[in-house]
C-alpha atoms as a PDB file:
ATOM      1  CA  MET A   1      67.907 -59.415  -4.944  1.00  0.00           C
ATOM      2  CA  SER A   2      66.147 -61.694  -7.426  1.00  0.00           C
ATOM      3  CA  GLN A   3      65.830 -60.901 -11.127  1.00  0.00           C
ATOM      4  CA  LYS A   4      62.071 -60.502 -10.606  1.00  0.00           C
ATOM      5  CA  ASN A   5      62.624 -57.684  -8.113  1.00  0.00           C
ATOM      6  CA  GLU A   6      65.357 -56.031 -10.242  1.00  0.00           C
ATOM      7  CA  THR A   7      63.079 -55.519 -13.275  1.00  0.00           C
ATOM      8  CA  PRO A   8      60.726 -52.855 -11.771  1.00  0.00           C
ATOM      9  CA  ALA A   9      63.719 -51.021 -10.326  1.00  0.00           C
ATOM     10  CA  LEU A  10      65.435 -50.996 -13.716  1.00  0.00           C
ATOM     11  CA  ILE A  11      62.317 -49.666 -15.457  1.00  0.00           C
ATOM     12  CA  LEU A  12      61.906 -46.948 -12.820  1.00  0.00           C
ATOM     13  CA  SER A  13      65.560 -45.972 -13.249  1.00  0.00           C
ATOM     14  CA  LEU A  14      65.161 -45.639 -17.032  1.00  0.00           C
ATOM     15  CA  LEU A  15      62.039 -43.492 -16.629  1.00  0.00           C
ATOM     16  CA  VAL A  16      63.791 -41.159 -14.187  1.00  0.00           C
ATOM     17  CA  THR A  17      66.825 -40.843 -16.498  1.00  0.00           C
ATOM     18  CA  SER A  18      64.620 -40.078 -19.539  1.00  0.00           C
ATOM     19  CA  GLY A  19      62.759 -37.443 -17.546  1.00  0.00           C
ATOM     20  CA  LEU A  20      65.978 -35.767 -16.463  1.00  0.00           C
ATOM     21  CA  LEU A  21      67.363 -35.719 -20.020  1.00  0.00           C
ATOM     22  CA  GLY A  22      64.098 -34.360 -21.443  1.00  0.00           C
ATOM     23  CA  GLY A  23      63.865 -31.713 -18.752  1.00  0.00           C
ATOM     24  CA  GLY A  24      67.484 -30.707 -19.273  1.00  0.00           C
ATOM     25  CA  PHE A  25      66.989 -30.302 -23.026  1.00  0.00           C
ATOM     26  CA  TRP A  26      63.840 -28.211 -22.435  1.00  0.00           C
ATOM     27  CA  TRP A  27      65.746 -25.973 -19.991  1.00  0.00           C
ATOM     28  CA  PHE A  28      68.612 -25.539 -22.506  1.00  0.00           C
ATOM     29  CA  THR A  29      66.318 -24.570 -25.369  1.00  0.00           C
ATOM     30  CA  GLN A  30      64.446 -22.051 -23.225  1.00  0.00           C
ATOM     31  CA  ARG A  31      67.542 -20.431 -21.741  1.00  0.00           C
ATOM     32  CA  SER A  32      69.712 -20.367 -24.880  1.00  0.00           C
ATOM     33  CA  GLY A  33      67.075 -19.645 -27.531  1.00  0.00           C
ATOM     34  CA  PHE A  34      68.300 -22.671 -29.475  1.00  0.00           C
ATOM     35  CA  ASP A  35      65.799 -23.931 -32.054  1.00  0.00           C
ATOM     36  CA  ALA A  36      66.751 -27.307 -33.501  1.00  0.00           C
ATOM     37  CA  SER A  37      64.241 -26.879 -36.313  1.00  0.00           C
ATOM     38  CA  LYS A  38      66.184 -23.886 -37.590  1.00  0.00           C
ATOM     39  CA  VAL A  39      69.625 -25.474 -37.540  1.00  0.00           C
ATOM     40  CA  ALA A  40      69.566 -27.135 -40.910  1.00  0.00           C
ATOM     41  CA  LEU A  41      71.828 -27.887 -43.835  1.00  0.00           C
ATOM     42  CA  PRO A  42      71.343 -29.064 -47.400  1.00  0.00           C
ATOM     43  CA  ASN A  43      71.387 -32.844 -47.334  1.00  0.00           C
ATOM     44  CA  PRO A  44      74.582 -33.963 -49.108  1.00  0.00           C
ATOM     45  CA  GLN A  45      72.998 -37.354 -49.801  1.00  0.00           C
ATOM     46  CA  ASN A  46      70.337 -35.686 -51.961  1.00  0.00           C
ATOM     47  CA  SER A  47      72.593 -33.182 -53.743  1.00  0.00           C
ATOM     48  CA  ALA A  48      73.387 -34.062 -57.327  1.00  0.00           C
ATOM     49  CA  THR A  49      76.787 -33.196 -58.742  1.00  0.00           C
ATOM     50  CA  PRO A  50      76.292 -30.323 -61.217  1.00  0.00           C
ATOM     51  CA  SER A  51      77.500 -30.290 -64.762  1.00  0.00           C
ATOM     52  CA  ALA A  52      80.854 -28.692 -65.511  1.00  0.00           C
ATOM     53  CA  ASN A  53      79.549 -25.171 -66.082  1.00  0.00           C
ATOM     54  CA  SER A  54      76.781 -25.055 -63.498  1.00  0.00           C
ATOM     55  CA  SER A  55      76.623 -23.914 -59.893  1.00  0.00           C
ATOM     56  CA  SER A  56      75.484 -26.208 -57.128  1.00  0.00           C
ATOM     57  CA  GLN A  57      72.357 -24.777 -55.542  1.00  0.00           C
ATOM     58  CA  PRO A  58      71.131 -25.226 -51.960  1.00  0.00           C
ATOM     59  CA  ASN A  59      68.906 -28.273 -51.545  1.00  0.00           C
ATOM     60  CA  PRO A  60      65.670 -27.742 -49.592  1.00  0.00           C
ATOM     61  CA  SER A  61      66.197 -31.121 -47.910  1.00  0.00           C
ATOM     62  CA  ALA A  62      67.858 -30.573 -44.548  1.00  0.00           C
ATOM     63  CA  THR A  63      69.680 -32.370 -41.752  1.00  0.00           C
ATOM     64  CA  ASN A  64      70.552 -31.274 -38.239  1.00  0.00           C
ATOM     65  CA  LEU A  65      73.810 -29.338 -38.017  1.00  0.00           C
ATOM     66  CA  THR A  66      75.105 -31.512 -35.207  1.00  0.00           C
ATOM     67  CA  GLN A  67      74.553 -34.616 -37.342  1.00  0.00           C
ATOM     68  CA  GLN A  68      76.473 -33.242 -40.340  1.00  0.00           C
ATOM     69  CA  PRO A  69      79.538 -35.469 -40.863  1.00  0.00           C
ATOM     70  CA  LEU A  70      82.709 -33.393 -40.842  1.00  0.00           C
ATOM     71  CA  PRO A  71      86.207 -34.624 -41.636  1.00  0.00           C
ATOM     72  CA  SER A  72      88.715 -34.225 -38.809  1.00  0.00           C
ATOM     73  CA  GLY A  73      92.052 -32.547 -39.308  1.00  0.00           C
ATOM     74  CA  ARG A  74      93.619 -29.327 -40.547  1.00  0.00           C
ATOM     75  CA  PHE A  75      92.567 -28.200 -44.039  1.00  0.00           C
ATOM     76  CA  SER A  76      94.222 -25.414 -46.016  1.00  0.00           C
ATOM     77  CA  TYR A  77      92.151 -23.116 -48.196  1.00  0.00           C
ATOM     78  CA  GLY A  78      92.675 -19.847 -50.068  1.00  0.00           C
ATOM     79  CA  GLY A  79      91.355 -17.513 -52.721  1.00  0.00           C
ATOM     80  CA  SER A  80      89.501 -14.251 -53.182  1.00  0.00           C
ATOM     81  CA  THR A  81      90.264 -11.199 -51.054  1.00  0.00           C
ATOM     82  CA  SER A  82      86.535 -10.376 -51.205  1.00  0.00           C
ATOM     83  CA  TRP A  83      86.092 -13.263 -48.752  1.00  0.00           C
ATOM     84  CA  ALA A  84      88.249 -11.489 -46.144  1.00  0.00           C
ATOM     85  CA  THR A  85      85.361 -10.484 -43.877  1.00  0.00           C
ATOM     86  CA  ILE A  86      83.957 -14.028 -43.994  1.00  0.00           C
ATOM     87  CA  ARG A  87      87.344 -15.453 -43.054  1.00  0.00           C
ATOM     88  CA  LEU A  88      87.639 -12.984 -40.172  1.00  0.00           C
ATOM     89  CA  SER A  89      84.125 -13.229 -38.741  1.00  0.00           C
ATOM     90  CA  VAL A  90      82.357 -16.357 -40.017  1.00  0.00           C
ATOM     91  CA  ASP A  91      85.122 -18.956 -40.063  1.00  0.00           C
ATOM     92  CA  PRO A  92      85.984 -18.534 -36.341  1.00  0.00           C
ATOM     93  CA  VAL A  93      82.308 -19.232 -35.529  1.00  0.00           C
ATOM     94  CA  LEU A  94      82.463 -22.461 -37.525  1.00  0.00           C
ATOM     95  CA  GLN A  95      85.745 -23.405 -35.834  1.00  0.00           C
ATOM     96  CA  ALA A  96      84.280 -22.845 -32.382  1.00  0.00           C
ATOM     97  CA  ALA A  97      81.281 -25.034 -33.184  1.00  0.00           C
ATOM     98  CA  HIS A  98      83.412 -27.758 -34.800  1.00  0.00           C
ATOM     99  CA  PRO A  99      86.963 -27.731 -33.336  1.00  0.00           C
ATOM    100  CA  GLU A 100      87.739 -31.015 -35.085  1.00  0.00           C
ATOM    101  CA  PHE A 101      87.379 -29.245 -38.462  1.00  0.00           C
ATOM    102  CA  GLN A 102      90.428 -26.945 -38.473  1.00  0.00           C
ATOM    103  CA  LEU A 103      90.910 -24.339 -41.215  1.00  0.00           C
ATOM    104  CA  ARG A 104      94.097 -22.589 -42.303  1.00  0.00           C
ATOM    105  CA  TYR A 105      94.127 -19.783 -44.870  1.00  0.00           C
ATOM    106  CA  VAL A 106      97.096 -19.935 -47.246  1.00  0.00           C
ATOM    107  CA  ASN A 107      98.406 -17.132 -49.456  1.00  0.00           C
ATOM    108  CA  PRO A 108      99.775 -17.985 -52.895  1.00  0.00           C
ATOM    109  CA  ILE A 109     103.512 -17.841 -53.458  1.00  0.00           C
ATOM    110  CA  GLY A 110     104.747 -15.242 -55.923  1.00  0.00           C
ATOM    111  CA  SER A 111     101.389 -13.598 -56.638  1.00  0.00           C
ATOM    112  CA  PRO A 112      98.736 -11.648 -54.719  1.00  0.00           C
ATOM    113  CA  PRO A 113      95.714 -13.564 -53.385  1.00  0.00           C
ATOM    114  CA  SER A 114      92.719 -13.723 -55.713  1.00  0.00           C
ATOM    115  CA  SER A 115      90.021 -16.082 -56.929  1.00  0.00           C
ATOM    116  CA  GLY A 116      92.196 -17.216 -59.823  1.00  0.00           C
ATOM    117  CA  ALA A 117      95.189 -17.783 -57.564  1.00  0.00           C
ATOM    118  CA  GLY A 118      93.054 -19.828 -55.172  1.00  0.00           C
ATOM    119  CA  ILE A 119      91.632 -22.025 -57.935  1.00  0.00           C
ATOM    120  CA  LYS A 120      95.143 -22.560 -59.320  1.00  0.00           C
ATOM    121  CA  MET A 121      96.337 -23.642 -55.870  1.00  0.00           C
ATOM    122  CA  LEU A 122      93.395 -26.057 -55.730  1.00  0.00           C
ATOM    123  CA  LEU A 123      94.264 -27.484 -59.154  1.00  0.00           C
ATOM    124  CA  ASP A 124      97.904 -27.879 -58.087  1.00  0.00           C
ATOM    125  CA  GLY A 125      96.960 -29.738 -54.900  1.00  0.00           C
ATOM    126  CA  GLN A 126      98.167 -27.016 -52.532  1.00  0.00           C
ATOM    127  CA  ILE A 127      94.822 -26.451 -50.773  1.00  0.00           C
ATOM    128  CA  ALA A 128      91.716 -28.500 -49.981  1.00  0.00           C
ATOM    129  CA  PHE A 129      89.176 -26.029 -51.406  1.00  0.00           C
ATOM    130  CA  ALA A 130      89.051 -22.494 -52.776  1.00  0.00           C
ATOM    131  CA  GLN A 131      87.006 -19.359 -52.126  1.00  0.00           C
ATOM    132  CA  SER A 132      86.044 -17.522 -55.306  1.00  0.00           C
ATOM    133  CA  SER A 133      84.172 -14.332 -56.123  1.00  0.00           C
ATOM    134  CA  ARG A 134      83.655 -15.375 -59.749  1.00  0.00           C
ATOM    135  CA  PRO A 135      82.495 -18.529 -61.535  1.00  0.00           C
ATOM    136  CA  VAL A 136      85.021 -21.181 -62.481  1.00  0.00           C
ATOM    137  CA  SER A 137      86.214 -20.634 -66.043  1.00  0.00           C
ATOM    138  CA  ASP A 138      86.011 -23.164 -68.873  1.00  0.00           C
ATOM    139  CA  GLN A 139      89.803 -23.305 -68.932  1.00  0.00           C
ATOM    140  CA  GLU A 140      89.928 -24.161 -65.232  1.00  0.00           C
ATOM    141  CA  TYR A 141      87.344 -26.919 -65.711  1.00  0.00           C
ATOM    142  CA  GLN A 142      89.476 -28.338 -68.531  1.00  0.00           C
ATOM    143  CA  GLN A 143      92.649 -28.181 -66.434  1.00  0.00           C
ATOM    144  CA  ALA A 144      90.883 -30.129 -63.676  1.00  0.00           C
ATOM    145  CA  GLN A 145      89.772 -32.818 -66.139  1.00  0.00           C
ATOM    146  CA  GLN A 146      93.351 -33.115 -67.415  1.00  0.00           C
ATOM    147  CA  ARG A 147      94.430 -33.816 -63.831  1.00  0.00           C
ATOM    148  CA  GLY A 148      91.828 -36.557 -63.415  1.00  0.00           C
ATOM    149  CA  PHE A 149      89.113 -34.846 -61.402  1.00  0.00           C
ATOM    150  CA  SER A 150      86.354 -32.250 -61.795  1.00  0.00           C
ATOM    151  CA  LEU A 151      85.415 -29.027 -60.010  1.00  0.00           C
ATOM    152  CA  LYS A 152      82.136 -28.012 -58.398  1.00  0.00           C
ATOM    153  CA  GLN A 153      81.244 -24.420 -57.517  1.00  0.00           C
ATOM    154  CA  ILE A 154      78.724 -23.860 -54.721  1.00  0.00           C
ATOM    155  CA  ALA A 155      77.148 -20.403 -54.370  1.00  0.00           C
ATOM    156  CA  VAL A 156      76.945 -19.364 -50.699  1.00  0.00           C
ATOM    157  CA  ALA A 157      76.496 -15.569 -50.773  1.00  0.00           C
ATOM    158  CA  ILE A 158      75.642 -12.562 -52.957  1.00  0.00           C
ATOM    159  CA  ASP A 159      78.000  -9.613 -53.212  1.00  0.00           C
ATOM    160  CA  GLY A 160      77.742  -6.249 -54.914  1.00  0.00           C
ATOM    161  CA  LEU A 161      80.569  -4.202 -56.408  1.00  0.00           C
ATOM    162  CA  ALA A 162      80.697  -0.700 -54.979  1.00  0.00           C
ATOM    163  CA  VAL A 163      82.261   2.334 -56.635  1.00  0.00           C
ATOM    164  CA  ALA A 164      83.893   4.829 -54.279  1.00  0.00           C
ATOM    165  CA  VAL A 165      85.327   8.328 -54.686  1.00  0.00           C
ATOM    166  CA  ASN A 166      87.118  10.858 -52.531  1.00  0.00           C
ATOM    167  CA  PRO A 167      84.642  12.108 -49.883  1.00  0.00           C
ATOM    168  CA  GLY A 168      85.170  15.709 -50.987  1.00  0.00           C
ATOM    169  CA  LEU A 169      83.933  15.040 -54.518  1.00  0.00           C
ATOM    170  CA  ASN A 170      80.457  16.360 -55.310  1.00  0.00           C
ATOM    171  CA  VAL A 171      78.787  13.939 -57.721  1.00  0.00           C
ATOM    172  CA  ALA A 172      75.307  12.425 -57.347  1.00  0.00           C
ATOM    173  CA  GLY A 173      76.064   9.074 -58.988  1.00  0.00           C
ATOM    174  CA  LEU A 174      77.196   7.387 -62.181  1.00  0.00           C
ATOM    175  CA  THR A 175      75.563   5.285 -64.851  1.00  0.00           C
ATOM    176  CA  ILE A 176      77.145   2.109 -66.182  1.00  0.00           C
ATOM    177  CA  ASP A 177      77.929   3.923 -69.442  1.00  0.00           C
ATOM    178  CA  GLN A 178      79.626   6.771 -67.559  1.00  0.00           C
ATOM    179  CA  LEU A 179      81.726   4.294 -65.604  1.00  0.00           C
ATOM    180  CA  LYS A 180      82.733   2.655 -68.861  1.00  0.00           C
ATOM    181  CA  ALA A 181      83.681   6.037 -70.345  1.00  0.00           C
ATOM    182  CA  ILE A 182      85.765   6.866 -67.256  1.00  0.00           C
ATOM    183  CA  TYR A 183      87.695   3.593 -67.182  1.00  0.00           C
ATOM    184  CA  SER A 184      88.194   3.495 -70.946  1.00  0.00           C
ATOM    185  CA  GLY A 185      89.689   7.011 -70.878  1.00  0.00           C
ATOM    186  CA  GLN A 186      86.921   8.754 -72.843  1.00  0.00           C
ATOM    187  CA  VAL A 187      85.868  10.928 -69.865  1.00  0.00           C
ATOM    188  CA  LYS A 188      88.730  12.530 -67.941  1.00  0.00           C
ATOM    189  CA  ASN A 189      87.124  15.256 -65.808  1.00  0.00           C
ATOM    190  CA  TRP A 190      84.346  14.945 -63.225  1.00  0.00           C
ATOM    191  CA  GLN A 191      82.699  18.013 -64.704  1.00  0.00           C
ATOM    192  CA  GLU A 192      81.746  15.898 -67.732  1.00  0.00           C
ATOM    193  CA  VAL A 193      79.540  13.665 -65.554  1.00  0.00           C
ATOM    194  CA  GLY A 194      77.932  16.317 -63.372  1.00  0.00           C
ATOM    195  CA  GLY A 195      80.688  16.751 -60.798  1.00  0.00           C
ATOM    196  CA  SER A 196      83.296  19.351 -59.946  1.00  0.00           C
ATOM    197  CA  ASN A 197      86.017  20.588 -62.280  1.00  0.00           C
ATOM    198  CA  VAL A 198      88.512  17.963 -61.085  1.00  0.00           C
ATOM    199  CA  PRO A 199      90.600  15.549 -63.178  1.00  0.00           C
ATOM    200  CA  ILE A 200      89.494  11.931 -62.847  1.00  0.00           C
ATOM    201  CA  VAL A 201      92.064   9.463 -61.471  1.00  0.00           C
ATOM    202  CA  PRO A 202      90.721   5.908 -61.981  1.00  0.00           C
ATOM    203  CA  LEU A 203      92.333   3.275 -59.761  1.00  0.00           C
ATOM    204  CA  PHE A 204      92.371  -0.348 -60.867  1.00  0.00           C
ATOM    205  CA  ARG A 205      93.411  -3.661 -59.290  1.00  0.00           C
ATOM    206  CA  SER A 206      93.811  -6.908 -61.198  1.00  0.00           C
ATOM    207  CA  SER A 207      91.519  -9.456 -59.525  1.00  0.00           C
ATOM    208  CA  SER A 208      88.331 -11.456 -60.021  1.00  0.00           C
ATOM    209  CA  THR A 209      86.471  -8.279 -59.058  1.00  0.00           C
ATOM    210  CA  GLN A 210      88.104  -6.614 -62.024  1.00  0.00           C
ATOM    211  CA  ASN A 211      86.890  -9.488 -64.207  1.00  0.00           C
ATOM    212  CA  VAL A 212      83.280  -8.930 -63.107  1.00  0.00           C
ATOM    213  CA  PHE A 213      83.681  -5.190 -63.569  1.00  0.00           C
ATOM    214  CA  GLY A 214      85.206  -5.786 -66.999  1.00  0.00           C
ATOM    215  CA  GLU A 215      82.280  -7.928 -68.107  1.00  0.00           C
ATOM    216  CA  THR A 216      79.509  -5.794 -66.571  1.00  0.00           C
ATOM    217  CA  VAL A 217      80.879  -2.298 -67.119  1.00  0.00           C
ATOM    218  CA  LEU A 218      83.645  -2.389 -69.712  1.00  0.00           C
ATOM    219  CA  ALA A 219      81.851  -4.998 -71.840  1.00  0.00           C
ATOM    220  CA  GLY A 220      85.134  -6.809 -72.497  1.00  0.00           C
ATOM    221  CA  GLN A 221      87.173  -3.695 -73.328  1.00  0.00           C
ATOM    222  CA  GLN A 222      90.570  -3.099 -71.755  1.00  0.00           C
ATOM    223  CA  PRO A 223      91.056  -0.186 -69.315  1.00  0.00           C
ATOM    224  CA  GLY A 224      92.397   3.043 -70.792  1.00  0.00           C
ATOM    225  CA  GLY A 225      95.881   4.455 -70.391  1.00  0.00           C
ATOM    226  CA  ASN A 226      94.663   6.879 -67.720  1.00  0.00           C
ATOM    227  CA  VAL A 227      94.101   4.052 -65.223  1.00  0.00           C
ATOM    228  CA  GLN A 228      96.511   3.762 -62.298  1.00  0.00           C
ATOM    229  CA  ILE A 229      97.227   0.207 -61.120  1.00  0.00           C
ATOM    230  CA  VAL A 230      97.153  -0.647 -57.403  1.00  0.00           C
ATOM    231  CA  SER A 231      98.127  -3.943 -55.811  1.00  0.00           C
ATOM    232  CA  THR A 232      95.590  -4.158 -52.971  1.00  0.00           C
ATOM    233  CA  THR A 233      92.258  -2.656 -51.964  1.00  0.00           C
ATOM    234  CA  THR A 234      93.891  -1.236 -48.826  1.00  0.00           C
ATOM    235  CA  GLN A 235      96.389   0.657 -50.978  1.00  0.00           C
ATOM    236  CA  ALA A 236      93.597   1.844 -53.268  1.00  0.00           C
ATOM    237  CA  LEU A 237      91.479   3.192 -50.393  1.00  0.00           C
ATOM    238  CA  GLN A 238      94.468   5.018 -48.923  1.00  0.00           C
ATOM    239  CA  LYS A 239      95.253   6.588 -52.286  1.00  0.00           C
ATOM    240  CA  LEU A 240      91.595   7.402 -52.895  1.00  0.00           C
ATOM    241  CA  ALA A 241      91.381   9.294 -49.606  1.00  0.00           C
ATOM    242  CA  ALA A 242      94.381  11.413 -50.641  1.00  0.00           C
ATOM    243  CA  THR A 243      93.326  11.993 -54.285  1.00  0.00           C
ATOM    244  CA  PRO A 244      90.507  14.552 -54.862  1.00  0.00           C
ATOM    245  CA  GLY A 245      89.545  13.080 -58.249  1.00  0.00           C
ATOM    246  CA  GLY A 246      90.118   9.413 -57.451  1.00  0.00           C
ATOM    247  CA  VAL A 247      87.631   6.621 -58.173  1.00  0.00           C
ATOM    248  CA  TYR A 248      87.863   2.909 -57.347  1.00  0.00           C
ATOM    249  CA  PHE A 249      85.640  -0.192 -57.287  1.00  0.00           C
ATOM    250  CA  ALA A 250      85.746  -3.238 -55.016  1.00  0.00           C
ATOM    251  CA  SER A 251      83.543  -5.671 -53.124  1.00  0.00           C
ATOM    252  CA  ALA A 252      80.803  -3.685 -51.364  1.00  0.00           C
ATOM    253  CA  PRO A 253      81.649  -4.902 -47.822  1.00  0.00           C
ATOM    254  CA  GLU A 254      85.218  -3.663 -48.375  1.00  0.00           C
ATOM    255  CA  VAL A 255      84.067  -0.192 -49.441  1.00  0.00           C
ATOM    256  CA  VAL A 256      80.654   0.770 -48.045  1.00  0.00           C
ATOM    257  CA  PRO A 257      81.553   0.876 -44.307  1.00  0.00           C
ATOM    258  CA  GLN A 258      84.787   2.844 -44.848  1.00  0.00           C
ATOM    259  CA  CYS A 259      85.054   6.351 -43.376  1.00  0.00           C
ATOM    260  CA  THR A 260      87.785   7.712 -45.654  1.00  0.00           C
ATOM    261  CA  VAL A 261      85.909   7.283 -48.965  1.00  0.00           C
ATOM    262  CA  LYS A 262      82.397   7.896 -50.301  1.00  0.00           C
ATOM    263  CA  PRO A 263      80.424   5.108 -52.033  1.00  0.00           C
ATOM    264  CA  LEU A 264      78.485   6.220 -55.104  1.00  0.00           C
ATOM    265  CA  ALA A 265      74.999   5.347 -56.301  1.00  0.00           C
ATOM    266  CA  ILE A 266      75.040   3.497 -59.636  1.00  0.00           C
ATOM    267  CA  GLY A 267      72.332   3.282 -62.287  1.00  0.00           C
ATOM    268  CA  LYS A 268      71.650   1.534 -65.554  1.00  0.00           C
ATOM    269  CA  SER A 269      70.397   4.851 -66.933  1.00  0.00           C
ATOM    270  CA  PRO A 270      70.357   8.523 -65.833  1.00  0.00           C
ATOM    271  CA  GLY A 271      67.988   9.295 -62.982  1.00  0.00           C
ATOM    272  CA  GLN A 272      67.815   5.662 -61.832  1.00  0.00           C
ATOM    273  CA  PHE A 273      70.701   5.671 -59.379  1.00  0.00           C
ATOM    274  CA  VAL A 274      70.662   2.954 -56.713  1.00  0.00           C
ATOM    275  CA  PRO A 275      73.086   3.305 -53.783  1.00  0.00           C
ATOM    276  CA  PRO A 276      75.071   0.287 -52.533  1.00  0.00           C
ATOM    277  CA  TYR A 277      74.355   1.578 -49.012  1.00  0.00           C
ATOM    278  CA  GLN A 278      71.152   2.069 -47.056  1.00  0.00           C
ATOM    279  CA  ALA A 279      70.107   5.691 -47.608  1.00  0.00           C
ATOM    280  CA  PRO A 280      70.664   8.290 -46.351  1.00  0.00           C
ATOM    281  CA  LEU A 281      74.446   8.426 -46.662  1.00  0.00           C
ATOM    282  CA  VAL A 282      76.102   8.457 -43.238  1.00  0.00           C
ATOM    283  CA  THR A 283      78.260  11.552 -42.742  1.00  0.00           C
ATOM    284  CA  ASN A 284      79.255  11.219 -39.075  1.00  0.00           C
ATOM    285  CA  CYS A 285      81.490   8.165 -39.526  1.00  0.00           C
ATOM    286  CA  PRO A 286      82.929   6.454 -37.449  1.00  0.00           C
ATOM    287  CA  THR A 287      80.180   7.122 -34.886  1.00  0.00           C
ATOM    288  CA  GLN A 288      77.948   5.450 -37.450  1.00  0.00           C
ATOM    289  CA  ARG A 289      78.865   3.552 -40.590  1.00  0.00           C
ATOM    290  CA  ASN A 290      77.044   2.966 -43.848  1.00  0.00           C
ATOM    291  CA  GLN A 291      75.252  -0.368 -44.104  1.00  0.00           C
ATOM    292  CA  LEU A 292      74.819  -2.471 -47.247  1.00  0.00           C
ATOM    293  CA  ASN A 293      71.692  -2.027 -49.346  1.00  0.00           C
ATOM    294  CA  ILE A 294      70.838  -5.709 -49.008  1.00  0.00           C
ATOM    295  CA  GLN A 295      67.383  -5.412 -50.556  1.00  0.00           C
ATOM    296  CA  ALA A 296      68.789  -3.852 -53.748  1.00  0.00           C
ATOM    297  CA  PHE A 297      71.379  -6.631 -54.037  1.00  0.00           C
ATOM    298  CA  GLN A 298      68.733  -9.318 -53.568  1.00  0.00           C
ATOM    299  CA  ASN A 299      66.114  -7.948 -55.975  1.00  0.00           C
ATOM    300  CA  GLY A 300      68.638  -7.029 -58.677  1.00  0.00           C
ATOM    301  CA  SER A 301      67.882  -3.294 -58.756  1.00  0.00           C
ATOM    302  CA  TYR A 302      71.540  -2.586 -57.965  1.00  0.00           C
ATOM    303  CA  PRO A 303      73.251  -3.132 -61.328  1.00  0.00           C
ATOM    304  CA  ILE A 304      76.567  -4.746 -60.329  1.00  0.00           C
ATOM    305  CA  THR A 305      76.232  -7.956 -58.296  1.00  0.00           C
ATOM    306  CA  ARG A 306      77.828 -11.405 -58.255  1.00  0.00           C
ATOM    307  CA  ASN A 307      77.880 -14.670 -56.318  1.00  0.00           C
ATOM    308  CA  LEU A 308      80.558 -15.924 -53.960  1.00  0.00           C
ATOM    309  CA  PHE A 309      81.470 -19.586 -54.472  1.00  0.00           C
ATOM    310  CA  VAL A 310      83.175 -22.376 -52.606  1.00  0.00           C
ATOM    311  CA  VAL A 311      85.100 -24.312 -55.269  1.00  0.00           C
ATOM    312  CA  VAL A 312      85.398 -28.011 -54.438  1.00  0.00           C
ATOM    313  CA  LYS A 313      87.634 -30.671 -55.955  1.00  0.00           C
ATOM    314  CA  GLN A 314      85.541 -33.703 -56.977  1.00  0.00           C
ATOM    315  CA  ASN A 315      87.966 -36.557 -56.361  1.00  0.00           C
ATOM    316  CA  GLY A 316      86.235 -38.622 -53.668  1.00  0.00           C
ATOM    317  CA  GLY A 317      88.970 -37.769 -51.168  1.00  0.00           C
ATOM    318  CA  THR A 318      89.261 -35.740 -47.988  1.00  0.00           C
ATOM    319  CA  GLU A 319      89.584 -32.513 -50.017  1.00  0.00           C
ATOM    320  CA  GLN A 320      86.104 -33.056 -51.444  1.00  0.00           C
ATOM    321  CA  GLN A 321      84.737 -33.889 -47.988  1.00  0.00           C
ATOM    322  CA  ALA A 322      86.304 -30.738 -46.514  1.00  0.00           C
ATOM    323  CA  GLY A 323      85.095 -28.440 -49.294  1.00  0.00           C
ATOM    324  CA  GLU A 324      81.537 -29.741 -49.277  1.00  0.00           C
ATOM    325  CA  ALA A 325      81.412 -29.671 -45.468  1.00  0.00           C
ATOM    326  CA  TYR A 326      82.584 -26.043 -45.440  1.00  0.00           C
ATOM    327  CA  ALA A 327      79.990 -25.048 -48.058  1.00  0.00           C
ATOM    328  CA  ASN A 328      77.238 -26.883 -46.170  1.00  0.00           C
ATOM    329  CA  LEU A 329      78.146 -25.089 -42.949  1.00  0.00           C
ATOM    330  CA  LEU A 330      77.922 -21.733 -44.749  1.00  0.00           C
ATOM    331  CA  LEU A 331      74.561 -22.717 -46.231  1.00  0.00           C
ATOM    332  CA  SER A 332      73.081 -23.628 -42.857  1.00  0.00           C
ATOM    333  CA  ASP A 333      70.753 -21.110 -41.238  1.00  0.00           C
ATOM    334  CA  GLN A 334      73.472 -20.228 -38.753  1.00  0.00           C
ATOM    335  CA  GLY A 335      76.056 -19.900 -41.515  1.00  0.00           C
ATOM    336  CA  GLN A 336      73.803 -17.666 -43.596  1.00  0.00           C
ATOM    337  CA  ASP A 337      73.110 -15.489 -40.546  1.00  0.00           C
ATOM    338  CA  ALA A 338      76.854 -15.129 -40.001  1.00  0.00           C
ATOM    339  CA  ILE A 339      77.402 -14.267 -43.681  1.00  0.00           C
ATOM    340  CA  ALA A 340      74.757 -11.541 -43.419  1.00  0.00           C
ATOM    341  CA  LYS A 341      76.460 -10.129 -40.328  1.00  0.00           C
ATOM    342  CA  ALA A 342      79.731 -10.096 -42.279  1.00  0.00           C
ATOM    343  CA  GLY A 343      78.157  -7.723 -44.798  1.00  0.00           C
ATOM    344  CA  PHE A 344      77.096 -10.066 -47.579  1.00  0.00           C
ATOM    345  CA  VAL A 345      73.645 -11.117 -48.776  1.00  0.00           C
ATOM    346  CA  ARG A 346      72.144 -14.515 -48.033  1.00  0.00           C
ATOM    347  CA  VAL A 347      71.436 -16.944 -50.868  1.00  0.00           C
ATOM    348  CA  ARG A 348      68.886 -18.829 -48.708  1.00  0.00           C
END
């Protein structure tokens, strides 16, 4: 066949192929509910590196999730135990969507996992990025500079700290001042704060959550001698369930859905109690479970909240690429939906 006769056939073939591809994409979007306009990420090309003591904020500029460049390989990460539900429910979703971007959670050696332990591992080159439930400290920024790089913290979720007691304890709620009095040892019986005549047994775990609690509630004071130290939240919840006068605080997603303890409403002043759960309190657990009071966390009416951060090493290497890619995935619409399903509050 001559070249003259081949040209119309070639054009017809291209038109048929384009029609099939367009029709196939239309069919996929209708059947799957996929909306490309909603699958967006902050554009890393337009994101400025924050100053040492600032948090990177989501950029309204967006790019398609499938076009987001991701480094290939296996990347270790570690940090806060408050991130546990994200690691269990959100990270597998990211892995399934991007199998080339493999994640491996690493526990610290010789110490329990925490935000501080994760950031230390990042500084020491043991992991690619860290998960933190507190801001990076000035000392940690300085240590990074001494090692020849800087750190960037990227807020990806909002968390609240929930206070829980034994389910048999009859107390309406606590103010911040009452919590401070309990954990400083000034108040030792629940009767003093409107509860039953039961000795108070405050449980305490050293972690970044404790740091937030110390700043917000204890105002920098050290816990009193009446405080009993626990090593993990699991241990604390088990002890709380067996201790009539026990009280403990932890990340809200770790506490609010539990059946063996009762989360308490907290207020800045008497009569202004705000529950960390959606009222009314569920009493037929596990048939139903308490859900987070997301609106109160978002609007600030709940008095003890914090941000969750991805801490990224700024060294121009694969660690920086991995950390920023992970944060961008969490800040996508799909990532934020998954974070909400994991029990945290969206930042976007």
